[in-house]
Each structure stands twice: as structure tokens, then as C-alpha cells.
Protein backbone atom coordinates (compact mmCIF):
# COMPACT_ATOMS: atom_id res chain seq x y z
CA MET A 1 -127.77 -34.62 36.31
CA ALA A 2 -127.00 -33.17 32.93
CA SER A 3 -125.08 -36.30 31.99
CA ASN A 4 -128.15 -38.46 32.67
CA LYS A 5 -130.26 -36.26 30.40
CA LEU A 6 -127.60 -36.52 27.71
CA ILE A 7 -127.50 -40.30 28.05
CA SER A 8 -131.29 -40.57 27.85
CA GLY A 9 -131.49 -38.40 24.75
CA LEU A 10 -128.69 -40.16 22.96
CA ALA A 11 -130.01 -43.57 23.90
CA ALA A 12 -133.34 -42.70 22.34
CA LEU A 13 -131.55 -41.69 19.17
CA ALA A 14 -129.52 -44.89 19.11
CA ILE A 15 -132.50 -47.23 19.65
CA GLY A 16 -133.88 -46.58 16.19
CA LEU A 17 -130.57 -47.16 14.48
CA SER A 18 -128.84 -50.05 16.23
CA PRO A 19 -129.36 -52.68 18.95
CA ALA A 20 -128.07 -52.00 22.45
CA SER A 21 -124.52 -53.14 23.14
CA PRO A 22 -123.55 -54.51 26.59
CA ALA A 23 -119.99 -53.34 26.07
CA LEU A 24 -121.15 -49.78 25.49
CA ALA A 25 -123.59 -49.93 28.39
CA ASN A 26 -120.83 -50.93 30.76
CA ALA A 27 -118.51 -48.20 29.58
CA GLY A 28 -120.32 -45.57 31.68
CA ASP A 29 -121.34 -42.00 31.04
CA PHE A 30 -118.40 -41.27 28.75
CA VAL A 31 -119.20 -44.00 26.26
CA ALA A 32 -122.93 -43.36 26.46
CA GLY A 33 -122.28 -39.74 25.63
CA ALA A 34 -120.25 -40.83 22.64
CA ILE A 35 -123.11 -42.56 20.84
CA ILE A 36 -124.76 -40.16 18.39
CA GLY A 37 -126.23 -42.45 15.83
CA GLY A 38 -125.50 -46.06 16.70
CA VAL A 39 -122.40 -48.08 15.99
CA ILE A 40 -120.62 -48.30 12.68
CA GLY A 41 -121.28 -52.04 12.31
CA SER A 42 -120.45 -54.05 9.25
CA ALA A 43 -120.74 -51.13 6.83
CA VAL A 44 -117.16 -50.00 7.44
CA THR A 45 -115.99 -53.55 6.83
CA GLN A 46 -117.94 -53.55 3.59
CA GLN A 47 -116.35 -50.22 2.68
CA ASN A 48 -112.90 -51.70 3.24
CA ARG A 49 -113.80 -54.76 1.18
CA LYS A 50 -114.73 -52.55 -1.71
CA LYS A 51 -111.19 -51.21 -1.78
CA ARG A 52 -109.84 -54.74 -2.11
CA TYR A 53 -111.83 -55.27 -5.27
CA TYR A 54 -109.60 -52.82 -7.10
CA ARG A 55 -106.22 -54.17 -8.08
CA ALA A 56 -104.84 -50.64 -8.24
CA GLN A 57 -106.07 -47.98 -5.86
CA SER A 58 -105.72 -45.39 -8.56
CA THR A 59 -109.30 -46.39 -9.44
CA GLN A 60 -110.47 -44.59 -6.31
CA GLU A 61 -108.95 -41.40 -7.62
CA GLY A 62 -110.56 -42.10 -11.00
CA ARG A 63 -113.97 -42.49 -9.36
CA GLN A 64 -113.57 -39.18 -7.58
CA ILE A 65 -112.64 -37.47 -10.84
CA GLN A 66 -115.57 -39.05 -12.71
CA SER A 67 -118.06 -38.20 -9.96
CA SER A 68 -116.82 -34.61 -9.91
CA LEU A 69 -117.03 -34.27 -13.68
CA ASN A 70 -120.56 -35.67 -13.78
CA TYR A 71 -121.70 -33.37 -10.97
CA PHE A 72 -120.55 -30.29 -12.87
CA GLY A 73 -122.18 -31.45 -16.10
CA PHE A 74 -119.11 -32.79 -17.90
CA ASN A 75 -120.42 -36.22 -18.85
CA ALA A 76 -117.86 -38.86 -17.87
CA GLY A 77 -120.41 -41.66 -18.05
CA TYR A 78 -120.62 -44.54 -15.59
CA VAL A 79 -118.42 -44.07 -12.53
CA ASP A 80 -116.11 -47.09 -12.63
CA GLY A 81 -112.76 -45.51 -11.84
CA ALA A 82 -111.30 -46.22 -15.28
CA LEU A 83 -110.44 -42.98 -17.05
CA GLY A 84 -111.15 -44.07 -20.62
CA GLN A 85 -111.94 -42.09 -23.73
CA ARG A 86 -115.27 -40.80 -22.44
CA SER A 87 -113.68 -39.56 -19.24
CA ARG A 88 -110.85 -37.92 -21.19
CA THR A 89 -113.41 -36.12 -23.35
CA ALA A 90 -115.18 -34.91 -20.20
CA ILE A 91 -111.87 -33.71 -18.77
CA SER A 92 -111.19 -31.80 -21.99
CA SER A 93 -114.63 -30.16 -21.72
CA TYR A 94 -113.88 -29.16 -18.14
CA GLN A 95 -110.50 -27.74 -19.14
CA ALA A 96 -112.02 -25.79 -22.02
CA TYR A 97 -114.69 -24.34 -19.71
CA MET A 98 -112.01 -23.19 -17.27
CA GLY A 99 -109.90 -21.69 -20.05
CA TYR A 100 -107.15 -24.32 -19.92
CA THR A 101 -105.66 -26.27 -22.80
CA PRO A 102 -108.04 -29.25 -23.39
CA THR A 103 -105.52 -32.09 -23.17
CA GLY A 104 -107.80 -34.65 -21.53
CA TYR A 105 -105.27 -35.08 -18.72
CA LEU A 106 -105.48 -33.15 -15.46
CA ASN A 107 -102.45 -31.46 -13.98
CA PRO A 108 -102.39 -31.19 -10.14
CA PHE A 109 -103.77 -27.64 -10.12
CA GLU A 110 -106.71 -28.48 -12.40
CA GLN A 111 -107.47 -31.64 -10.43
CA ASN A 112 -107.33 -29.75 -7.14
CA ILE A 113 -109.92 -27.24 -8.34
CA LEU A 114 -112.20 -29.97 -9.68
CA LEU A 115 -112.10 -32.29 -6.65
CA THR A 116 -112.12 -29.60 -3.96
CA SER A 117 -115.05 -27.79 -5.59
CA TYR A 118 -116.94 -31.09 -5.71
CA GLN A 119 -116.15 -31.82 -2.05
CA ARG A 120 -117.43 -28.40 -1.04
CA ALA A 121 -120.57 -28.93 -3.08
CA MET A 122 -121.22 -32.21 -1.26
CA VAL A 123 -120.81 -30.55 2.12
CA GLY A 124 -123.13 -27.71 1.09
CA GLY A 125 -123.88 -24.69 3.21
CA TYR A 126 -125.07 -21.15 2.66
CA GLY A 127 -122.02 -20.02 0.71
CA VAL A 128 -122.18 -22.96 -1.69
CA ASN A 129 -125.90 -22.53 -2.29
CA GLN A 130 -125.46 -18.81 -2.86
CA VAL A 131 -122.79 -19.37 -5.52
CA ILE A 132 -124.93 -21.94 -7.33
CA SER A 133 -128.06 -19.80 -7.23
CA THR A 134 -126.36 -16.60 -8.40
CA SER A 135 -124.03 -18.01 -11.04
CA PRO A 136 -125.40 -18.10 -14.61
CA ASP A 137 -123.65 -21.47 -14.96
CA GLY A 138 -125.24 -22.97 -11.86
CA ARG A 139 -123.08 -25.61 -10.23
CA ARG A 140 -120.14 -24.81 -12.48
CA GLY A 141 -119.91 -21.45 -10.78
CA LEU A 142 -118.34 -23.28 -7.84
CA LEU A 143 -115.32 -24.10 -10.00
CA ILE A 144 -114.73 -20.46 -10.88
CA ALA A 145 -115.39 -19.35 -7.30
CA TYR A 146 -112.85 -21.73 -5.83
CA ARG A 147 -110.22 -20.82 -8.41
CA GLU A 148 -110.70 -17.14 -7.59
CA GLU A 149 -110.37 -17.94 -3.91
CA ILE A 150 -107.03 -19.74 -4.13
CA THR A 151 -105.58 -17.29 -6.65
CA GLY A 152 -106.55 -14.27 -4.59
CA GLY A 153 -109.37 -13.14 -6.86
CA ALA A 154 -112.38 -11.21 -5.61
CA GLY A 155 -116.05 -11.79 -6.34
CA GLN A 156 -117.82 -15.09 -5.98
CA GLY A 157 -114.82 -16.84 -4.47
CA SER A 158 -115.23 -14.85 -1.28
CA THR A 159 -118.69 -16.30 -0.64
CA PHE A 160 -117.16 -19.55 0.54
CA ALA A 161 -115.85 -17.69 3.56
CA ASN A 162 -119.43 -17.33 4.77
CA THR A 163 -120.23 -21.04 4.60
CA GLN A 164 -119.61 -21.53 8.31
CA PRO A 165 -119.69 -18.13 10.01
CA GLN A 166 -118.17 -17.89 13.48
CA PRO A 167 -118.11 -14.93 15.88
CA VAL A 168 -114.34 -15.09 16.13
CA GLU A 169 -113.68 -11.69 17.64
CA GLU A 170 -116.29 -12.08 20.38
CA GLN A 171 -115.07 -15.56 21.27
CA GLN A 172 -111.46 -14.45 21.44
CA GLU A 173 -112.34 -11.53 23.68
CA GLU A 174 -114.24 -13.78 26.07
CA VAL A 175 -111.44 -16.34 26.21
CA THR A 176 -108.89 -13.61 26.91
CA LYS A 177 -110.86 -12.41 29.93
CA THR A 178 -111.18 -15.93 31.29
CA THR A 179 -107.55 -16.90 30.88
CA THR A 180 -106.16 -13.71 32.39
CA SER A 181 -108.20 -14.20 35.54
CA THR A 182 -107.31 -17.88 36.07
CA SER A 183 -103.80 -18.29 34.66
CA ALA A 184 -101.00 -18.84 37.17
CA LEU A 185 -98.24 -17.87 34.75
CA PRO A 186 -97.76 -14.51 33.00
CA SER A 187 -97.89 -14.32 29.21
CA PHE A 188 -96.34 -11.25 27.61
CA LEU A 189 -96.72 -12.14 23.95
CA GLY A 190 -100.31 -13.36 24.04
CA GLU A 191 -101.55 -16.62 22.59
CA ALA A 192 -99.92 -17.67 19.33
CA GLN A 193 -102.12 -17.47 16.26
CA GLN A 194 -102.46 -20.93 14.75
CA GLN A 195 -101.45 -21.13 11.12
CA SER A 196 -104.06 -22.12 8.57
CA LEU A 197 -103.11 -25.38 6.88
CA ALA A 198 -105.84 -24.88 4.27
CA SER A 199 -104.44 -21.50 3.24
CA HIS A 200 -100.92 -22.90 3.26
CA CYS A 201 -101.90 -25.80 1.00
CA ASN A 202 -103.58 -23.44 -1.45
CA LYS A 203 -100.28 -21.60 -1.84
CA VAL A 204 -98.35 -24.87 -2.15
CA SER A 205 -100.75 -26.02 -4.88
CA LEU A 206 -100.17 -22.85 -6.87
CA LEU A 207 -96.39 -23.23 -6.61
CA THR A 208 -96.60 -26.88 -7.61
CA ASN A 209 -98.61 -25.95 -10.66
CA SER A 210 -96.20 -23.17 -11.64
CA ASN A 211 -93.31 -25.63 -11.27
CA GLY A 212 -94.94 -28.01 -13.71
CA GLY A 213 -95.87 -30.72 -11.22
CA PHE A 214 -94.77 -32.38 -8.02
CA THR A 215 -91.14 -32.63 -6.98
CA GLN A 216 -89.54 -35.94 -7.97
CA ALA A 217 -87.24 -37.96 -5.70
CA SER A 218 -84.45 -37.71 -8.25
CA ALA A 219 -84.64 -33.92 -8.47
CA ILE A 220 -85.10 -32.50 -4.97
CA THR A 221 -83.94 -28.89 -4.89
CA ASP A 222 -86.01 -27.76 -1.88
CA ALA A 223 -86.57 -30.64 0.54
CA ASN A 224 -88.91 -28.71 2.81
CA PHE A 225 -91.15 -27.69 -0.09
CA ALA A 226 -91.18 -31.31 -1.29
CA LEU A 227 -92.48 -32.35 2.14
CA ASN A 228 -95.11 -29.61 2.01
CA GLU A 229 -96.32 -30.87 -1.37
CA GLN A 230 -96.77 -34.38 -0.04
CA PHE A 231 -98.36 -33.11 3.19
CA CYS A 232 -100.99 -31.17 1.28
CA LEU A 233 -101.54 -34.05 -1.12
CA ALA A 234 -102.13 -36.42 1.81
CA ARG A 235 -104.54 -33.88 3.32
CA THR A 236 -106.54 -33.83 0.07
CA TYR A 237 -106.79 -37.62 0.02
CA ALA A 238 -107.81 -37.72 3.69
CA ILE A 239 -110.60 -35.22 3.04
CA ALA A 240 -111.86 -37.13 0.00
CA SER A 241 -111.77 -40.49 1.77
CA GLY A 242 -113.74 -39.12 4.70
CA GLU A 243 -116.29 -37.49 2.42
CA GLU A 244 -116.89 -40.89 0.83
CA LEU A 245 -117.62 -42.36 4.26
CA ILE A 246 -119.81 -39.40 5.23
CA SER A 247 -122.02 -40.11 2.23
CA SER A 248 -122.77 -43.52 3.79
CA VAL A 249 -123.82 -42.15 7.18
CA GLN A 250 -127.59 -42.29 7.47
CA GLY A 251 -129.76 -39.99 9.55
CA VAL A 252 -127.09 -37.37 10.21
CA THR A 253 -126.43 -34.28 8.11
CA PRO A 254 -122.89 -33.18 7.16
CA ALA A 255 -123.31 -30.16 9.43
CA GLN A 256 -124.19 -32.41 12.37
CA ILE A 257 -121.21 -34.64 11.63
CA THR A 258 -118.94 -31.60 11.63
CA GLN A 259 -120.35 -30.51 14.97
CA GLN A 260 -119.94 -33.96 16.50
CA CYS A 261 -116.36 -34.29 15.25
CA GLU A 262 -115.48 -31.15 17.18
CA ALA A 263 -115.60 -33.44 20.24
CA PHE A 264 -112.42 -35.13 19.05
CA GLY A 265 -110.43 -31.97 19.72
CA PRO A 266 -110.89 -31.58 23.48
CA VAL A 267 -111.01 -35.35 24.12
CA LEU A 268 -107.67 -36.04 22.42
CA LYS A 269 -105.94 -32.69 22.91
CA ASP A 270 -103.78 -34.10 25.69
CA TYR A 271 -102.39 -36.76 23.35
CA VAL A 272 -101.94 -34.20 20.58
CA ALA A 273 -99.85 -32.18 23.04
CA GLU A 274 -97.78 -35.25 23.94
CA MET A 275 -96.82 -35.65 20.29
CA SER A 276 -94.72 -32.46 20.52
CA LEU A 277 -93.02 -33.64 23.69
CA GLN A 278 -92.60 -37.40 23.70
CA PRO A 279 -91.24 -40.10 21.37
CA MET A 280 -93.68 -41.78 19.01
CA ASN A 281 -93.83 -45.11 20.87
CA ASP A 282 -94.81 -43.41 24.12
CA VAL A 283 -97.54 -41.40 22.44
CA VAL A 284 -98.98 -44.43 20.63
CA LYS A 285 -98.92 -46.43 23.86
CA ASN A 286 -100.88 -43.75 25.68
CA VAL A 287 -103.41 -43.39 22.87
CA SER A 288 -103.83 -47.18 22.82
CA GLY A 289 -104.66 -47.04 26.52
CA PHE A 290 -107.28 -44.42 25.76
CA VAL A 291 -108.78 -46.65 23.05
CA LEU A 292 -109.12 -49.52 25.53
CA SER A 293 -110.72 -47.26 28.12
CA THR A 294 -113.58 -46.30 25.79
CA GLY A 295 -114.96 -49.82 25.53
CA MET A 296 -115.65 -49.25 21.83
CA SER A 297 -114.71 -51.68 19.08
CA PRO A 298 -111.78 -50.87 16.78
CA ALA A 299 -114.21 -50.71 13.84
CA GLN A 300 -116.27 -48.05 15.60
CA LEU A 301 -113.29 -45.85 16.35
CA ALA A 302 -111.53 -46.40 13.02
CA GLY A 303 -114.54 -45.45 10.92
CA THR A 304 -115.29 -42.42 13.05
CA ALA A 305 -111.62 -41.36 13.09
CA LYS A 306 -111.43 -41.40 9.28
CA ILE A 307 -114.55 -39.25 9.07
CA CYS A 308 -113.30 -36.79 11.68
CA LEU A 309 -109.83 -36.70 10.11
CA SER A 310 -111.54 -35.44 6.96
CA VAL A 311 -113.62 -32.93 8.92
CA GLY A 312 -110.60 -31.71 10.86
CA TYR A 313 -108.65 -30.95 7.71
CA ARG A 314 -111.64 -29.45 5.91
CA THR A 315 -112.46 -27.11 8.82
CA ASP A 316 -108.80 -26.39 9.61
CA ASN A 317 -109.15 -27.82 13.13
CA MET A 318 -105.75 -29.32 13.81
CA ASP A 319 -106.67 -30.86 17.17
CA VAL A 320 -109.45 -32.82 15.49
CA ALA A 321 -107.27 -33.82 12.53
CA ILE A 322 -104.22 -34.85 14.55
CA GLY A 323 -106.30 -36.56 17.24
CA SER A 324 -108.09 -38.59 14.60
CA GLY A 325 -104.80 -39.54 12.96
CA LEU A 326 -103.35 -40.64 16.30
CA LEU A 327 -106.34 -42.91 16.86
CA LEU A 328 -105.84 -44.55 13.48
CA VAL A 329 -102.15 -45.18 14.17
CA ALA A 330 -102.94 -46.63 17.61
CA LEU A 331 -105.54 -48.88 15.99
CA GLY A 332 -102.85 -50.34 13.73
CA ASP A 333 -103.26 -48.29 10.56
CA LYS A 334 -99.63 -47.21 10.58
CA VAL A 335 -99.68 -45.48 7.17
CA TYR A 336 -101.38 -42.54 8.90
CA ALA A 337 -98.21 -42.00 10.95
CA GLU A 338 -96.93 -40.09 7.92
CA LEU A 339 -99.40 -37.31 8.76
CA MET A 340 -97.96 -36.94 12.26
CA GLY A 341 -94.51 -36.59 10.72
CA HIS A 342 -95.76 -33.81 8.48
CA HIS A 343 -97.42 -31.94 11.36
CA LEU A 344 -94.25 -32.11 13.43
CA SER A 345 -91.90 -31.19 10.60
CA GLN A 346 -94.01 -28.22 9.46
CA GLY A 347 -95.44 -27.03 12.78
CA PHE A 348 -99.16 -27.18 11.99
CA GLY A 349 -101.11 -28.06 15.14
CA ALA A 350 -97.89 -29.14 16.81
CA SER A 351 -94.48 -27.76 17.69
CA ARG A 352 -91.94 -27.88 14.89
CA ARG A 353 -89.97 -30.97 15.95
CA ILE A 354 -88.25 -32.61 13.00
CA ASP A 355 -86.33 -34.81 15.46
CA LEU A 356 -89.58 -36.36 16.68
CA ALA A 357 -91.07 -36.32 13.19
CA MET A 358 -88.51 -38.77 11.83
CA ASP A 359 -89.89 -41.76 13.76
CA TRP A 360 -93.42 -40.98 12.59
CA TYR A 361 -92.26 -40.67 9.00
CA ALA A 362 -90.39 -43.97 9.25
CA ALA A 363 -93.40 -45.80 10.71
CA GLY A 364 -95.76 -44.56 8.02
CA LEU A 365 -93.39 -45.09 5.10
CA ASP A 366 -92.28 -48.52 6.32
CA ALA A 367 -95.90 -49.62 6.58
CA ALA A 368 -96.60 -48.46 3.02
CA GLU A 369 -93.50 -50.21 1.69
CA ASN A 370 -94.31 -53.43 3.54
CA GLY A 371 -97.69 -53.96 1.93
CA ALA A 372 -100.13 -51.87 3.96
CA THR A 373 -102.95 -50.31 1.95
CA ALA A 374 -101.82 -46.87 0.84
CA ALA A 375 -104.02 -44.09 2.17
CA PHE A 376 -102.51 -41.25 0.17
CA ALA A 377 -101.69 -40.89 -3.55
CA PRO A 378 -101.27 -44.63 -4.23
CA SER A 379 -100.68 -44.00 -7.93
CA GLN A 380 -97.77 -41.59 -7.43
CA PRO A 381 -94.52 -43.46 -8.19
CA GLY A 382 -91.60 -43.12 -5.80
CA ARG A 383 -93.62 -41.23 -3.20
CA THR A 384 -92.20 -43.00 -0.14
CA GLU A 385 -88.63 -42.61 -1.41
CA LEU A 386 -89.25 -38.91 -2.00
CA ILE A 387 -90.61 -38.27 1.50
CA ARG A 388 -87.86 -40.30 3.13
CA ALA A 389 -85.11 -38.47 1.24
CA ALA A 390 -86.63 -35.02 1.82
CA ALA A 391 -87.18 -35.69 5.53
CA TYR A 392 -83.55 -36.69 6.03
CA GLN A 393 -82.40 -33.54 4.26
CA VAL A 394 -84.55 -31.38 6.52
CA SER A 395 -83.79 -33.33 9.72
CA SER A 396 -80.80 -31.17 10.65
CA GLY A 397 -83.06 -28.16 11.36
CA SER A 398 -84.80 -28.86 14.66
CA SER A 399 -86.73 -26.10 16.43
CA SER A 400 -88.00 -25.36 19.90
CA LEU A 401 -91.34 -26.47 21.24
CA ASN A 402 -94.21 -24.74 22.95
CA LYS A 403 -96.15 -26.38 25.73
CA PRO A 404 -99.87 -26.64 24.81
CA GLU A 405 -102.82 -25.84 27.03
CA ASN A 406 -104.51 -28.38 29.28
CA PRO A 407 -107.26 -30.39 27.55
CA GLN A 408 -110.94 -30.36 28.47
CA ALA A 409 -113.14 -33.39 28.86
CA ALA A 410 -115.70 -34.17 26.17
CA ALA A 411 -117.33 -37.13 24.47
CA LEU A 412 -116.33 -38.92 21.30
CA PRO A 413 -118.81 -39.16 18.43
CA VAL A 414 -119.47 -42.46 16.69
CA PHE A 415 -121.09 -42.64 13.24
CA LYS A 416 -123.01 -45.54 11.78
CA VAL A 417 -121.95 -46.02 8.17
CA ASP A 418 -124.37 -47.82 5.87
CA ASN A 419 -123.84 -49.05 2.32
């Protein structure tokens, strides 16, 4: 059988990376198909311990900024997360290169360009390599290219679109033929085009910059836009956090990780669909049952879910992103429930259901306020109060839902993260 061949091949890959696990062996073909590089092991625990060493999680943001500056040749010195004088000088150099006022302090727009360009450089790909090789400034050309992309400029910015080419038109044509021949119900309007969260967040970032910064809880004039700002900010943090974990995965390339994370979509699509139909507690209960059925340890699934959450947002695959977030909530990391609230309130990857979103928002914000480790923008003051206030202002505008397609079976990936 094909499944036996898959198990044999994956088992051979796992032997060199981790010892055999009786729990995984007893989990059957599904779990065996999920192993792509061994289990996560103690490395994820070590990664979490590292976070505890910092008294303020703003140091993680500082490390990302310093790493990005150093990569593009703006010498920030040793990466310790403390943005001292040397880091401020490097920031000023970056700002001067980009044509901004060299203040030494990044506004959200400048920081978005710096960090996102660095993240793309770490992922690599044909488009990234082409920009670097053709730009007279080498790596720094990525900064200009990304800025042109989000501001609608032509030229080098468009090369990023070729980083992961996909035969979209051919695939859509084939799917259309298949669905029309097997569907039992007529569809007169065709399949809805899924909105691009990445494109949406680029526009939100530009508006935030033109407004002089993020909306404050004490000055909410557009509650829905305030939620969008925090949604996109959380997305950026999720991508960066996952990229940090990806750098610790040994023996697997970023492209292979992206491919493996695609398995999260079809495996968890049924639960993603439930989110638009059922109350939060019912969805979490069902996802928890799924977690138990896999036979995998919480550490395995949590580490993999954080990686695939990052991949899902980076590749604009909402099934992967939402499915990964649901796993994290079911595993007890309730701060990620905020993301589900955003998806439901804004209609990305889910039906626009602000009524259902409110419970998800409450769960995530309550967890953050009760001492859980913040996953998004820990240094932003009053963030939970802002989201709570904006969500309540928007909550009167509930919209209809659309029933999603049936899910397909697939296997979950598991990544081994090493220090």
C-alpha cells in the first residue's frame, strides 16, 4: 500500500534524527505519516526557557531589530535585545539609507519594512536571490524592493511575487471541472475568492504610518480599523516567532517546512469550518479530542503549530494559520485565541461572525491579563484594553456565514527543533 511505503520512507528519515517512540508507533498510519524529521524533544522547552530569562519580552523585539540591522549591514553590534546607543546609531543609518529622518527610533512603518525584509531574506527563494544579485546595494536592495511592493511601486519589488510560483489558473480550471461533476448542489455565483490577509495588512500598515502610529485605547475613532491594526501586528509577531523556531530545525530546508505545513490545512479544515458555526468552547473541545487522537505529545504539536502558524500567515494560507492557532488554544496557550477573534471579526479564512468572535477575544485577552506570556506586541501599553474596547464597539455588526467545503484527510508534520 502507498501508506506503507510512506511509513517506511519517513521511518528511515526519523531513525537518524530521533529514537523510536512507542506512543508514535501505536498511533497507526496517521501518526507515522506525520513524522518528517523526528520529534521536537527538549529543544522547544529550551526555547521557552530562553524567553523566561528576559524580564521584559520587549527584548525579543529588540533582538529581531538588531539581527535585521546587522544582516543589512547597519552595525548594531552584539545581539542582546537592548537597543542602546550603538543600536540607535544603526537605526539612524538605516533610516538615512531609506531616505527617512534619522531619529534613531523606528516608527511602525519603518520597522515593518526592516523586519519583513529580513524575514523574507531568511526564507530565501528565487525572487529574494534575484533582488540581491541584481541590486547594486546587495542585500539592502531587499529593503527598497519591499517598500516598493507595499507602496504600489514597480521595479524590483515585483520580483518577490515570483518567489513561490504557482500555476493558479490551471489549478482553478481543473478544480472547477471536478466540482461541477461531483457537486450535489448548484452554485450560481461560483466559489468566493479568498481575501489576501497579507495584502490587507500592507494597506493597514500604510494607513497606520500616515496616521502617525497605532490607535490608542483613549482615542478610538474607528473601532474596526483599530482591530485591523492589532490583527496585522499579531500576524507580524506570529511570523517572526515561527521564523525563530524554523532557524532551529535541523536537516529540513525552509521550503520543505513550508511544504510540510501545507498538511495542516486539510487535516484541520473541518475544525476551522466549525469556528464559523459553533461557540468557542465546542470548537476547542473538538480540537482537544483531535489532539488526543494523534498520540503526539503536547510539546510536539505546540512547537510544530507555532512554526506552521508562521508559515500559514507568510504564505497567506488561512486554513494552515487558523488550524495552527486552534491547536495552540486547545493545548492551553489561550493567548492565541485572540487570533481566532480577529479572523471571525474581519472575515479572513472564516465567516464574518463578530458574535462568535467575542468569546475568542475574551479568552485571549483574559489570559494575557492574568499572567500568561504575551505572544504579540508585549511592549505595547494598553493593548488588551484597546482590543476589548474596539471589539465591543464593533460587536453590534454581525454578518451572515458561509458553509465551508468538506475537509480532506492528510498527515500532520512534526519538526524537531534543536538549539
